[in-house]
């Protein structure tokens, strides 16, 4: 588990008339075994926030701290696409991100493949797997490094609804079992309600407009009335903040 502290974070791209403000005075605290979703319209800075938190982008100004028990936290990252090496087997794709290639590491990778239902696919190559299976491998690879905090950038956005729903259930089970801190970017409000303890709402211009606690028991079935009501409440906030495109 990790502690994430973001203070007065500002990120700009370009200069002069070409300047674009991606994040504007963002303040955010995330701590412990929580699943926090960041939602908002396209171009509101959701992915830029993750890029700054993971060091892919440097902030223009502001402060970011990600710690675990007084030290820098070790992060994991799941991308929109699985980014597997096509010439390596599934198991070798997991092993590739580890410095330690010991028997214990291999057993850990097998364990996480089992958690996503792919324990018998370790010798297969990415091209032999469906898109959903490839994303499962990407999730297992991230968890296999046993990070303190896991950043996820719309990992299910390219999948069909049935596959995405199945993966959300598996992701929730892994989060519950491993007690990680997760920051999850999505444009899907229903997905956020199904998975999250908190939903952070971004608006265009890179500002946080709301921070919503989702106080429903897990697991959450999207067909359940309480889940549907929670989704409607979040969408209503989007309408109040004029965040839904017309």
Protein backbone atom coordinates (compact mmCIF):
# COMPACT_ATOMS: atom_id res chain seq x y z
CA UNK A 1 0.00 0.00 0.00
CA UNK A 2 1.11 3.54 -0.66
CA UNK A 3 0.46 7.15 0.23
CA UNK A 4 0.01 9.56 -2.69
CA UNK A 5 0.18 13.30 -2.02
CA UNK A 6 -0.32 15.82 -4.81
CA UNK A 7 -0.05 19.50 -3.92
CA UNK A 8 -0.84 22.41 -6.26
CA UNK A 9 0.13 20.35 -9.31
CA UNK A 10 0.26 22.31 -12.56
CA UNK A 11 1.25 20.94 -15.97
CA UNK A 12 1.53 22.88 -19.21
CA UNK A 13 2.48 21.79 -22.71
CA UNK A 14 3.91 24.20 -25.28
CA UNK A 15 4.55 27.93 -24.90
CA UNK A 16 2.93 31.24 -25.85
CA UNK A 17 -0.22 30.94 -27.95
CA UNK A 18 0.50 27.20 -28.30
CA UNK A 19 0.38 26.67 -24.54
CA UNK A 20 -2.10 24.09 -23.25
CA UNK A 21 -2.88 23.72 -19.55
CA UNK A 22 -3.37 20.02 -18.83
CA UNK A 23 -3.47 20.17 -15.01
CA UNK A 24 -4.34 23.26 -13.00
CA UNK A 25 -3.72 23.44 -9.23
CA UNK A 26 -4.55 19.77 -8.56
CA UNK A 27 -4.55 18.67 -4.91
CA UNK A 28 -5.13 15.01 -4.09
CA UNK A 29 -4.43 12.62 -1.20
CA UNK A 30 -4.79 8.86 -1.57
CA UNK A 31 -3.73 6.43 1.13
CA UNK A 32 -3.92 2.75 2.05
CA UNK A 33 -5.91 -0.15 0.61
CA UNK A 34 -8.19 1.93 -1.60
CA UNK A 35 -9.35 1.85 -5.19
CA UNK A 36 -9.67 5.40 -6.52
CA UNK A 37 -11.02 6.13 -9.99
CA UNK A 38 -10.35 9.34 -11.88
CA UNK A 39 -13.13 10.18 -14.33
CA UNK A 40 -13.88 13.06 -16.65
CA UNK A 41 -14.34 14.03 -20.31
CA UNK A 42 -11.65 13.49 -22.93
CA UNK A 43 -8.80 15.96 -22.67
CA UNK A 44 -9.35 16.83 -19.01
CA UNK A 45 -5.90 15.72 -17.84
CA UNK A 46 -6.66 12.24 -16.43
CA UNK A 47 -3.84 10.46 -18.25
CA UNK A 48 -1.49 13.40 -17.77
CA UNK A 49 -1.99 13.04 -14.02
CA UNK A 50 -0.90 9.39 -14.21
CA UNK A 51 2.06 10.31 -16.41
CA UNK A 52 3.25 12.85 -13.85
CA UNK A 53 2.72 10.46 -10.95
CA UNK A 54 4.78 7.75 -12.68
CA UNK A 55 7.53 10.12 -13.79
CA UNK A 56 6.79 9.91 -17.51
CA UNK A 57 6.10 13.66 -17.45
CA UNK A 58 7.61 16.32 -15.21
CA UNK A 59 5.27 18.82 -13.55
CA UNK A 60 5.52 22.46 -14.54
CA UNK A 61 5.17 23.25 -10.86
CA UNK A 62 3.76 21.70 -7.73
CA UNK A 63 4.68 18.73 -5.60
CA UNK A 64 4.13 14.97 -5.92
CA UNK A 65 5.05 12.42 -3.25
CA UNK A 66 4.40 8.68 -3.46
CA UNK A 67 5.66 6.83 -0.41
CA UNK A 68 5.37 3.53 1.42
CA UNK A 69 6.38 3.32 5.07
CA UNK A 70 8.73 6.29 4.77
CA UNK A 71 10.43 5.33 1.50
CA UNK A 72 9.66 5.97 -2.15
CA UNK A 73 6.86 3.65 -3.21
CA UNK A 74 7.42 1.07 -5.93
CA UNK A 75 4.82 1.60 -8.70
CA UNK A 76 3.21 -0.71 -11.21
CA UNK A 77 1.47 0.41 -14.40
CA UNK A 78 -1.25 -1.09 -16.62
CA UNK A 79 -1.70 0.65 -19.97
CA UNK A 80 -4.65 0.99 -22.34
CA UNK A 81 -3.04 -1.75 -24.45
CA UNK A 82 -1.09 -4.65 -22.89
CA UNK A 83 2.21 -3.80 -24.65
CA UNK A 84 3.39 -7.40 -24.78
CA UNK A 85 6.52 -8.42 -26.68
CA UNK A 86 5.16 -10.60 -29.51
CA UNK A 87 8.32 -12.70 -29.82
CA UNK A 88 8.23 -13.73 -26.14
CA UNK A 89 5.90 -16.24 -24.54
CA UNK A 90 3.33 -15.15 -21.98
CA UNK A 91 5.55 -16.33 -19.11
CA UNK A 92 8.61 -14.65 -20.61
CA UNK A 93 6.66 -11.38 -20.90
CA UNK A 94 6.06 -11.52 -17.16
CA UNK A 95 9.62 -12.54 -16.34
CA UNK A 96 11.01 -9.77 -18.58
CA UNK A 97 10.04 -6.98 -16.13
CA UNK A 98 11.87 -8.63 -13.22
CA UNK A 99 15.56 -8.20 -12.43
CA UNK A 100 15.42 -11.40 -10.42
CA UNK A 101 14.73 -14.38 -12.73
CA UNK A 102 14.84 -16.93 -9.90
CA UNK A 103 12.60 -19.93 -9.38
CA UNK A 104 10.69 -17.95 -6.75
CA UNK A 105 9.99 -15.16 -9.24
CA UNK A 106 8.73 -17.65 -11.81
CA UNK A 107 6.44 -19.22 -9.24
CA UNK A 108 5.09 -15.77 -8.36
CA UNK A 109 4.42 -15.04 -12.03
CA UNK A 110 2.60 -18.37 -12.38
CA UNK A 111 0.50 -17.51 -9.35
CA UNK A 112 -0.62 -14.20 -10.83
CA UNK A 113 -1.33 -15.82 -14.20
CA UNK A 114 -3.55 -18.22 -12.28
CA UNK A 115 -5.37 -15.32 -10.66
CA UNK A 116 -6.40 -14.07 -14.12
CA UNK A 117 -7.31 -17.56 -15.33
CA UNK A 118 -4.29 -18.07 -17.60
CA UNK A 119 -2.24 -20.57 -15.63
CA UNK A 120 -2.22 -22.94 -18.62
CA UNK A 121 -1.24 -20.27 -21.21
CA UNK A 122 2.28 -19.45 -20.04
CA UNK A 123 3.91 -21.06 -23.08
CA UNK A 124 1.63 -19.33 -25.58
CA UNK A 125 2.61 -16.21 -27.53
CA UNK A 126 0.59 -12.97 -27.48
CA UNK A 127 -0.60 -13.50 -31.06
CA UNK A 128 -2.27 -16.72 -29.95
CA UNK A 129 -4.40 -14.92 -27.38
CA UNK A 130 -7.54 -12.83 -27.64
CA UNK A 131 -7.44 -9.12 -26.79
CA UNK A 132 -9.01 -9.81 -23.41
CA UNK A 133 -6.48 -12.51 -22.62
CA UNK A 134 -3.62 -10.20 -23.60
CA UNK A 135 -4.91 -7.55 -21.20
CA UNK A 136 -5.14 -10.21 -18.48
CA UNK A 137 -1.45 -10.89 -19.06
CA UNK A 138 -0.72 -7.17 -18.72
CA UNK A 139 -2.59 -7.05 -15.41
CA UNK A 140 -0.85 -10.19 -14.12
CA UNK A 141 2.53 -8.74 -15.15
CA UNK A 142 1.88 -5.53 -13.19
CA UNK A 143 0.75 -7.39 -10.07
CA UNK A 144 3.64 -9.88 -10.33
CA UNK A 145 6.11 -7.08 -9.53
CA UNK A 146 4.18 -6.68 -6.26
CA UNK A 147 4.10 -2.88 -6.42
CA UNK A 148 3.08 -0.65 -3.55
CA UNK A 149 0.77 1.32 -5.83
CA UNK A 150 -0.80 0.37 -9.15
CA UNK A 151 -1.62 2.97 -11.81
CA UNK A 152 -4.13 1.93 -14.49
CA UNK A 153 -4.89 4.02 -17.57
CA UNK A 154 -8.23 2.98 -19.12
CA UNK A 155 -7.13 -0.67 -19.37
CA UNK A 156 -10.53 -1.95 -20.53
CA UNK A 157 -11.48 0.81 -22.97
CA UNK A 158 -10.69 -1.23 -26.11
CA UNK A 159 -12.52 -4.38 -25.00
CA UNK A 160 -16.08 -5.49 -25.63
CA UNK A 161 -18.55 -5.02 -22.77
CA UNK A 162 -18.71 -8.70 -21.73
CA UNK A 163 -14.93 -9.13 -21.63
CA UNK A 164 -14.47 -5.84 -19.79
CA UNK A 165 -17.04 -6.84 -17.17
CA UNK A 166 -15.24 -10.15 -16.58
CA UNK A 167 -11.89 -8.40 -16.24
CA UNK A 168 -13.32 -5.88 -13.78
CA UNK A 169 -14.39 -8.75 -11.54
CA UNK A 170 -10.94 -10.35 -11.75
CA UNK A 171 -9.24 -7.02 -11.08
CA UNK A 172 -11.39 -6.45 -8.02
CA UNK A 173 -10.58 -9.92 -6.68
CA UNK A 174 -6.84 -9.28 -7.14
CA UNK A 175 -7.06 -5.85 -5.51
CA UNK A 176 -8.92 -7.34 -2.54
CA UNK A 177 -6.43 -10.21 -2.19
CA UNK A 178 -3.26 -8.13 -2.56
CA UNK A 179 -4.36 -5.01 -0.64
CA UNK A 180 -2.75 -2.62 -3.12
CA UNK A 181 -3.38 1.08 -3.56
CA UNK A 182 -4.91 1.57 -7.02
CA UNK A 183 -5.39 4.77 -9.02
CA UNK A 184 -7.55 3.96 -12.03
CA UNK A 185 -8.28 6.31 -14.93
CA UNK A 186 -11.51 5.70 -16.84
CA UNK A 187 -14.09 7.56 -18.90
CA UNK A 188 -16.75 5.01 -17.89
CA UNK A 189 -18.74 6.16 -14.86
CA UNK A 190 -20.37 2.74 -14.46
CA UNK A 191 -16.95 1.11 -14.35
CA UNK A 192 -15.80 3.59 -11.72
CA UNK A 193 -18.85 2.94 -9.53
CA UNK A 194 -18.43 -0.82 -9.85
CA UNK A 195 -14.78 -0.80 -8.77
CA UNK A 196 -14.07 2.20 -6.57
CA UNK A 197 -14.10 3.41 -2.99
CA UNK A 198 -13.68 6.98 -4.29
CA UNK A 199 -14.32 8.72 -7.59
CA UNK A 200 -12.37 11.89 -8.38
CA UNK A 201 -14.14 13.98 -11.02
CA UNK A 202 -12.01 16.05 -13.40
CA UNK A 203 -13.22 18.84 -15.69
CA UNK A 204 -11.65 20.21 -18.84
CA UNK A 205 -8.80 22.49 -17.97
CA UNK A 206 -7.36 19.87 -15.62
CA UNK A 207 -9.17 20.78 -12.41
CA UNK A 208 -10.78 18.53 -9.80
CA UNK A 209 -14.48 19.30 -9.51
CA UNK A 210 -15.63 16.65 -7.04
CA UNK A 211 -14.38 13.80 -4.85
CA UNK A 212 -17.12 11.23 -4.29
CA UNK A 213 -17.13 8.41 -1.74
CA UNK A 214 -18.82 5.23 -3.00
CA UNK A 215 -20.08 3.48 0.12
CA UNK A 216 -21.45 0.22 -1.26
CA UNK A 217 -20.43 -3.34 -0.33
CA UNK A 218 -18.30 -5.42 -2.72
CA UNK A 219 -18.70 -7.20 -5.06
CA UNK A 220 -20.94 -4.85 -7.01
CA UNK A 221 -23.22 -6.09 -9.74
CA UNK A 222 -23.93 -3.34 -12.30
CA UNK A 223 -27.50 -4.66 -12.55
CA UNK A 224 -28.04 -4.16 -8.81
CA UNK A 225 -30.40 -1.30 -7.97
CA UNK A 226 -28.05 0.39 -5.49
CA UNK A 227 -25.19 0.33 -8.01
CA UNK A 228 -27.46 1.76 -10.70
CA UNK A 229 -28.58 4.53 -8.32
CA UNK A 230 -24.96 5.36 -7.44
CA UNK A 231 -24.08 5.55 -11.15
CA UNK A 232 -27.06 7.87 -11.75
CA UNK A 233 -25.94 10.08 -8.83
CA UNK A 234 -22.43 10.45 -10.30
CA UNK A 235 -23.83 11.20 -13.76
CA UNK A 236 -26.10 13.81 -12.18
CA UNK A 237 -23.03 15.50 -10.73
CA UNK A 238 -21.52 15.54 -14.23
CA UNK A 239 -24.65 17.27 -15.50
CA UNK A 240 -24.54 19.78 -12.64
CA UNK A 241 -20.90 20.53 -13.46
CA UNK A 242 -21.71 20.70 -17.20
CA UNK A 243 -19.21 17.91 -17.95
CA UNK A 244 -21.38 15.92 -20.35
CA UNK A 245 -20.87 16.81 -24.00
CA UNK A 246 -23.96 18.00 -25.86
